[in-house]
Structure formats: C-alpha cells, structure tokens
C-alpha cells in the first residue's frame, strides 16, 4: 500500500491523521480508498473526474502529469499539495 501524506487543510476529514497507508494502483484508486474511509475526501480533492486545479499530486517526489491515471506502486509516497497563494 502506498503511503499517503494528508495536508493540514484536509486533516479535519481524517481526524488529524497526517499519514496513512492506502491501497490502490492509480491515484483514482487511492482517492476512492481515501473517500471510502473518510467520506468527503473525493469532493475536496476532485472536481468531477479530475484533480482540482488548486491541488498538485506528487508521487515519489515527482509532480504527476497524468492526474487520476498516475500509477502508484505499493511502496510509493503520495502527497496532495494545495496551491499556495497570496501577495
């Protein structure tokens, strides 16, 4: 199972959990697994069938170029990184 790091903005859904092991072979499957365990996660990460534009997905240190289709290995690290804005 992949290690998934939950950003602080989403920890209200996980009860404060910041890292957990999640099954899935693609980002879509990982998000589905997260949403099954923590309802509402999919809505916060996705806009219909795409990753929200203000969220970057990083798998094993590389920003995903394939969105929901990005492959995930059993030993992968997955980070959902919210965009930082300001002036």
C-alpha atoms as a PDB file:
ATOM      1  CA  UNK A   1       0.000   0.000   0.000  1.00  0.00           C
ATOM      2  CA  UNK A   2       1.165   3.497  -0.779  1.00  0.00           C
ATOM      3  CA  UNK A   3       1.992   5.959   1.995  1.00  0.00           C
ATOM      4  CA  UNK A   4      -0.290   8.953   1.602  1.00  0.00           C
ATOM      5  CA  UNK A   5       0.508  12.270   3.266  1.00  0.00           C
ATOM      6  CA  UNK A   6      -2.578  14.308   4.100  1.00  0.00           C
ATOM      7  CA  UNK A   7      -2.122  18.105   4.050  1.00  0.00           C
ATOM      8  CA  UNK A   8      -3.258  20.037   7.111  1.00  0.00           C
ATOM      9  CA  UNK A   9      -6.212  21.524   5.183  1.00  0.00           C
ATOM     10  CA  UNK A  10      -7.725  18.031   4.786  1.00  0.00           C
ATOM     11  CA  UNK A  11      -6.981  16.629   8.228  1.00  0.00           C
ATOM     12  CA  UNK A  12     -10.396  17.651   9.514  1.00  0.00           C
ATOM     13  CA  UNK A  13     -11.702  14.730   7.429  1.00  0.00           C
ATOM     14  CA  UNK A  14      -9.125  12.263   8.791  1.00  0.00           C
ATOM     15  CA  UNK A  15      -9.481  13.169  12.448  1.00  0.00           C
ATOM     16  CA  UNK A  16      -5.995  14.679  12.421  1.00  0.00           C
ATOM     17  CA  UNK A  17      -4.233  11.757  10.767  1.00  0.00           C
ATOM     18  CA  UNK A  18      -1.375  13.105   8.629  1.00  0.00           C
ATOM     19  CA  UNK A  19      -0.050   9.900   7.057  1.00  0.00           C
ATOM     20  CA  UNK A  20      -1.608   6.537   6.320  1.00  0.00           C
ATOM     21  CA  UNK A  21      -1.214   3.515   4.077  1.00  0.00           C
ATOM     22  CA  UNK A  22      -3.810   3.361   1.315  1.00  0.00           C
ATOM     23  CA  UNK A  23      -4.461   0.639  -1.272  1.00  0.00           C
ATOM     24  CA  UNK A  24      -4.604   1.485  -4.962  1.00  0.00           C
ATOM     25  CA  UNK A  25      -2.633   1.182  -8.181  1.00  0.00           C
ATOM     26  CA  UNK A  26      -3.605   4.604  -9.546  1.00  0.00           C
ATOM     27  CA  UNK A  27      -4.334   7.989  -7.985  1.00  0.00           C
ATOM     28  CA  UNK A  28      -8.008   7.383  -8.796  1.00  0.00           C
ATOM     29  CA  UNK A  29      -7.991   4.160  -6.754  1.00  0.00           C
ATOM     30  CA  UNK A  30      -6.100   5.841  -3.910  1.00  0.00           C
ATOM     31  CA  UNK A  31      -8.660   8.673  -3.802  1.00  0.00           C
ATOM     32  CA  UNK A  32     -11.530   6.168  -3.935  1.00  0.00           C
ATOM     33  CA  UNK A  33      -9.977   4.278  -0.990  1.00  0.00           C
ATOM     34  CA  UNK A  34      -9.493   7.514   0.943  1.00  0.00           C
ATOM     35  CA  UNK A  35     -13.088   8.567   0.279  1.00  0.00           C
ATOM     36  CA  UNK A  36     -14.399   5.183   1.405  1.00  0.00           C
ATOM     37  CA  UNK A  37     -12.584   5.569   4.711  1.00  0.00           C
ATOM     38  CA  UNK A  38     -13.028   9.355   5.014  1.00  0.00           C
ATOM     39  CA  UNK A  39     -16.223  10.458   3.243  1.00  0.00           C
ATOM     40  CA  UNK A  40     -15.870  13.835   1.574  1.00  0.00           C
ATOM     41  CA  UNK A  41     -12.209  13.398   0.646  1.00  0.00           C
ATOM     42  CA  UNK A  42     -13.019  12.904  -3.042  1.00  0.00           C
ATOM     43  CA  UNK A  43     -15.067  16.118  -3.139  1.00  0.00           C
ATOM     44  CA  UNK A  44     -12.189  18.077  -1.603  1.00  0.00           C
ATOM     45  CA  UNK A  45      -9.562  16.636  -3.979  1.00  0.00           C
ATOM     46  CA  UNK A  46     -11.542  16.301  -7.202  1.00  0.00           C
ATOM     47  CA  UNK A  47     -13.736  18.330  -9.475  1.00  0.00           C
ATOM     48  CA  UNK A  48     -15.870  15.602 -11.028  1.00  0.00           C
ATOM     49  CA  UNK A  49     -13.336  13.228 -12.649  1.00  0.00           C
ATOM     50  CA  UNK A  50     -10.247  15.453 -12.392  1.00  0.00           C
ATOM     51  CA  UNK A  51      -7.924  16.594  -9.665  1.00  0.00           C
ATOM     52  CA  UNK A  52      -8.905  20.114  -8.628  1.00  0.00           C
ATOM     53  CA  UNK A  53      -6.679  22.740 -10.290  1.00  0.00           C
ATOM     54  CA  UNK A  54      -5.523  24.042  -6.903  1.00  0.00           C
ATOM     55  CA  UNK A  55      -4.183  20.604  -5.856  1.00  0.00           C
ATOM     56  CA  UNK A  56      -0.908  19.120  -7.072  1.00  0.00           C
ATOM     57  CA  UNK A  57      -0.335  15.385  -6.803  1.00  0.00           C
ATOM     58  CA  UNK A  58       3.241  14.320  -6.106  1.00  0.00           C
ATOM     59  CA  UNK A  59       4.165  10.645  -6.416  1.00  0.00           C
ATOM     60  CA  UNK A  60       7.628   9.593  -5.287  1.00  0.00           C
ATOM     61  CA  UNK A  61       8.867  13.170  -5.397  1.00  0.00           C
ATOM     62  CA  UNK A  62       7.628  13.927  -8.931  1.00  0.00           C
ATOM     63  CA  UNK A  63       4.626  16.071  -9.765  1.00  0.00           C
ATOM     64  CA  UNK A  64       2.033  13.947 -11.543  1.00  0.00           C
ATOM     65  CA  UNK A  65       1.485  14.688 -15.212  1.00  0.00           C
ATOM     66  CA  UNK A  66      -1.252  12.058 -15.580  1.00  0.00           C
ATOM     67  CA  UNK A  67      -3.751  13.149 -12.938  1.00  0.00           C
ATOM     68  CA  UNK A  68      -6.121  10.397 -11.877  1.00  0.00           C
ATOM     69  CA  UNK A  69      -4.375   7.890 -14.158  1.00  0.00           C
ATOM     70  CA  UNK A  70      -0.976   8.290 -12.475  1.00  0.00           C
ATOM     71  CA  UNK A  71       0.384   4.883 -11.471  1.00  0.00           C
ATOM     72  CA  UNK A  72       1.148   4.196  -7.813  1.00  0.00           C
ATOM     73  CA  UNK A  73       3.348   1.387  -6.521  1.00  0.00           C
ATOM     74  CA  UNK A  74       2.948  -0.424  -3.218  1.00  0.00           C
ATOM     75  CA  UNK A  75       5.994   1.430  -1.848  1.00  0.00           C
ATOM     76  CA  UNK A  76       5.116   4.849  -3.300  1.00  0.00           C
ATOM     77  CA  UNK A  77       4.781   8.082  -1.349  1.00  0.00           C
ATOM     78  CA  UNK A  78       1.817  10.201  -2.416  1.00  0.00           C
ATOM     79  CA  UNK A  79       1.368  13.842  -1.445  1.00  0.00           C
ATOM     80  CA  UNK A  80      -1.654  16.025  -2.182  1.00  0.00           C
ATOM     81  CA  UNK A  81      -0.257  19.546  -2.161  1.00  0.00           C
ATOM     82  CA  UNK A  82      -2.655  22.502  -2.061  1.00  0.00           C
ATOM     83  CA  UNK A  83      -1.629  25.594  -4.018  1.00  0.00           C
ATOM     84  CA  UNK A  84      -0.264  28.460  -2.005  1.00  0.00           C
ATOM     85  CA  UNK A  85      -1.477  31.879  -2.995  1.00  0.00           C
ATOM     86  CA  UNK A  86      -1.050  35.333  -1.675  1.00  0.00           C
ATOM     87  CA  UNK A  87       0.555  38.583  -2.393  1.00  0.00           C
END
